[in-house]
Amino acid sequence: MPSFQTRLKITGLKPGNPPEDVMAAAVDALGTRHHVEANQLELAGGVPQLNLRFLVEPTEYSGENHQALESAAMMRDAVERVAVTGSLVVLRRSRGKWAPV
């Protein structure tokens, strides 16, 4: 199965939402469509960033990429209910390396 990764910067929390709600929203949203293999929060240039790795059902290359991009956008929408987001990057694993979709 093709493996993808999202990297979503978080620039702030919306009032009344604890920090753990951010990752929960991301995992829950992405998990409705795909198997989420891993998730972590890291600092990238001093800015919190959510990293989620997930699998897409194999079809054809461009269709898989489209599904991954669509799902990442849906995940971002869910996270924006609890946090303010920055840039979103979607990567695809190919021959052991991550490359932008």
C-alpha atoms as a PDB file:
ATOM      1  CA  MET A   1       0.000   0.000   0.000  1.00  0.00           C
ATOM      2  CA  PRO A   2       1.255   3.496  -0.801  1.00  0.00           C
ATOM      3  CA  SER A   3       2.470   5.404   2.255  1.00  0.00           C
ATOM      4  CA  PHE A   4       1.914   9.133   2.679  1.00  0.00           C
ATOM      5  CA  GLN A   5       2.766  11.692   5.324  1.00  0.00           C
ATOM      6  CA  THR A   6       1.235  15.035   6.229  1.00  0.00           C
ATOM      7  CA  ARG A   7       3.082  17.845   7.948  1.00  0.00           C
ATOM      8  CA  LEU A   8       0.814  20.531   9.337  1.00  0.00           C
ATOM      9  CA  LYS A   9       2.127  23.562  11.215  1.00  0.00           C
ATOM     10  CA  ILE A  10       0.122  24.689  14.249  1.00  0.00           C
ATOM     11  CA  THR A  11       0.401  28.395  15.028  1.00  0.00           C
ATOM     12  CA  GLY A  12      -2.023  28.592  17.951  1.00  0.00           C
ATOM     13  CA  LEU A  13      -4.916  27.087  19.878  1.00  0.00           C
ATOM     14  CA  LYS A  14      -8.449  28.374  19.621  1.00  0.00           C
ATOM     15  CA  PRO A  15      -9.939  29.420  22.982  1.00  0.00           C
ATOM     16  CA  GLY A  16     -11.249  26.614  25.178  1.00  0.00           C
ATOM     17  CA  ASN A  17      -9.325  23.807  23.465  1.00  0.00           C
ATOM     18  CA  PRO A  18      -6.574  21.884  25.240  1.00  0.00           C
ATOM     19  CA  PRO A  19      -3.428  21.035  23.232  1.00  0.00           C
ATOM     20  CA  GLU A  20      -4.241  17.308  23.077  1.00  0.00           C
ATOM     21  CA  ASP A  21      -7.404  18.086  21.070  1.00  0.00           C
ATOM     22  CA  VAL A  22      -5.256  19.134  18.107  1.00  0.00           C
ATOM     23  CA  MET A  23      -3.679  15.716  17.493  1.00  0.00           C
ATOM     24  CA  ALA A  24      -6.936  13.941  18.345  1.00  0.00           C
ATOM     25  CA  ALA A  25      -8.784  15.971  15.689  1.00  0.00           C
ATOM     26  CA  ALA A  26      -6.105  15.185  13.100  1.00  0.00           C
ATOM     27  CA  VAL A  27      -5.978  11.444  13.794  1.00  0.00           C
ATOM     28  CA  ASP A  28      -9.763  11.104  13.993  1.00  0.00           C
ATOM     29  CA  ALA A  29     -10.325  12.925  10.699  1.00  0.00           C
ATOM     30  CA  LEU A  30      -7.628  11.081   8.758  1.00  0.00           C
ATOM     31  CA  GLY A  31      -8.639   7.789  10.352  1.00  0.00           C
ATOM     32  CA  THR A  32     -12.130   8.010   8.846  1.00  0.00           C
ATOM     33  CA  ARG A  33     -10.626   7.350   5.391  1.00  0.00           C
ATOM     34  CA  HIS A  34      -7.240   5.695   5.913  1.00  0.00           C
ATOM     35  CA  HIS A  35      -5.185   3.601   8.279  1.00  0.00           C
ATOM     36  CA  VAL A  36      -3.038   6.026  10.305  1.00  0.00           C
ATOM     37  CA  GLU A  37       0.297   4.279  10.886  1.00  0.00           C
ATOM     38  CA  ALA A  38       1.928   6.871  13.123  1.00  0.00           C
ATOM     39  CA  ASN A  39       1.516  10.363  14.487  1.00  0.00           C
ATOM     40  CA  GLN A  40       3.801  12.712  16.320  1.00  0.00           C
ATOM     41  CA  LEU A  41       4.210  16.323  17.292  1.00  0.00           C
ATOM     42  CA  GLU A  42       7.576  17.953  16.698  1.00  0.00           C
ATOM     43  CA  LEU A  43       9.027  21.440  16.575  1.00  0.00           C
ATOM     44  CA  ALA A  44      10.079  22.645  13.140  1.00  0.00           C
ATOM     45  CA  GLY A  45      11.882  25.963  13.358  1.00  0.00           C
ATOM     46  CA  GLY A  46      10.325  26.543  16.772  1.00  0.00           C
ATOM     47  CA  VAL A  47       6.774  26.000  15.440  1.00  0.00           C
ATOM     48  CA  PRO A  48       4.748  22.930  16.477  1.00  0.00           C
ATOM     49  CA  GLN A  49       4.076  20.588  13.572  1.00  0.00           C
ATOM     50  CA  LEU A  50       1.805  17.547  13.368  1.00  0.00           C
ATOM     51  CA  ASN A  51       3.261  14.646  11.392  1.00  0.00           C
ATOM     52  CA  LEU A  52       0.883  11.843  10.459  1.00  0.00           C
ATOM     53  CA  ARG A  53       1.791   8.826   8.331  1.00  0.00           C
ATOM     54  CA  PHE A  54      -1.041   6.950   6.626  1.00  0.00           C
ATOM     55  CA  LEU A  55      -1.770   4.342   3.965  1.00  0.00           C
ATOM     56  CA  VAL A  56      -3.912   4.795   0.860  1.00  0.00           C
ATOM     57  CA  GLU A  57      -5.636   1.903  -0.888  1.00  0.00           C
ATOM     58  CA  PRO A  58      -3.705   1.085  -4.045  1.00  0.00           C
ATOM     59  CA  THR A  59      -5.368   2.134  -7.308  1.00  0.00           C
ATOM     60  CA  GLU A  60      -3.363   4.118  -9.822  1.00  0.00           C
ATOM     61  CA  TYR A  61      -0.583   6.581  -9.016  1.00  0.00           C
ATOM     62  CA  SER A  62      -2.362   9.893  -9.653  1.00  0.00           C
ATOM     63  CA  GLY A  63      -5.564   8.637  -8.012  1.00  0.00           C
ATOM     64  CA  GLU A  64      -3.640   7.667  -4.883  1.00  0.00           C
ATOM     65  CA  ASN A  65      -2.016  11.110  -4.781  1.00  0.00           C
ATOM     66  CA  HIS A  66      -5.408  12.777  -5.236  1.00  0.00           C
ATOM     67  CA  GLN A  67      -6.877  10.747  -2.358  1.00  0.00           C
ATOM     68  CA  ALA A  68      -3.958  11.682  -0.106  1.00  0.00           C
ATOM     69  CA  LEU A  69      -4.255  15.399  -0.911  1.00  0.00           C
ATOM     70  CA  GLU A  70      -8.023  15.369  -0.430  1.00  0.00           C
ATOM     71  CA  SER A  71      -7.711  13.542   2.894  1.00  0.00           C
ATOM     72  CA  ALA A  72      -4.990  15.921   4.112  1.00  0.00           C
ATOM     73  CA  ALA A  73      -7.243  18.899   3.333  1.00  0.00           C
ATOM     74  CA  MET A  74     -10.095  17.246   5.230  1.00  0.00           C
ATOM     75  CA  MET A  75      -7.759  16.637   8.180  1.00  0.00           C
ATOM     76  CA  ARG A  76      -6.678  20.282   8.142  1.00  0.00           C
ATOM     77  CA  ASP A  77     -10.334  21.404   8.197  1.00  0.00           C
ATOM     78  CA  ALA A  78     -10.922  19.261  11.289  1.00  0.00           C
ATOM     79  CA  VAL A  79      -7.838  20.636  13.050  1.00  0.00           C
ATOM     80  CA  GLU A  80      -8.877  24.212  12.264  1.00  0.00           C
ATOM     81  CA  ARG A  81     -11.918  23.742  14.501  1.00  0.00           C
ATOM     82  CA  VAL A  82      -9.570  23.632  17.516  1.00  0.00           C
ATOM     83  CA  ALA A  83      -6.382  25.355  16.340  1.00  0.00           C
ATOM     84  CA  VAL A  84      -4.928  27.898  13.956  1.00  0.00           C
ATOM     85  CA  THR A  85      -2.889  26.197  11.252  1.00  0.00           C
ATOM     86  CA  GLY A  86      -0.006  27.179   9.028  1.00  0.00           C
ATOM     87  CA  SER A  87       1.457  25.383   6.042  1.00  0.00           C
ATOM     88  CA  LEU A  88       0.400  21.866   5.049  1.00  0.00           C
ATOM     89  CA  VAL A  89       2.714  19.525   3.145  1.00  0.00           C
ATOM     90  CA  VAL A  90       1.813  16.078   1.795  1.00  0.00           C
ATOM     91  CA  LEU A  91       4.609  13.641   1.023  1.00  0.00           C
ATOM     92  CA  ARG A  92       4.667  10.218  -0.655  1.00  0.00           C
ATOM     93  CA  ARG A  93       7.183   7.524   0.165  1.00  0.00           C
ATOM     94  CA  SER A  94       8.957   6.210  -2.896  1.00  0.00           C
ATOM     95  CA  ARG A  95      12.006   3.946  -2.828  1.00  0.00           C
ATOM     96  CA  GLY A  96      12.689   4.755   0.794  1.00  0.00           C
ATOM     97  CA  LYS A  97      12.488   8.555   0.407  1.00  0.00           C
ATOM     98  CA  TRP A  98       9.747  11.089   1.082  1.00  0.00           C
ATOM     99  CA  ALA A  99       8.887  13.362  -1.855  1.00  0.00           C
ATOM    100  CA  PRO A 100       6.244  16.110  -2.095  1.00  0.00           C
ATOM    101  CA  VAL A 101       3.007  15.132  -3.832  1.00  0.00           C
END
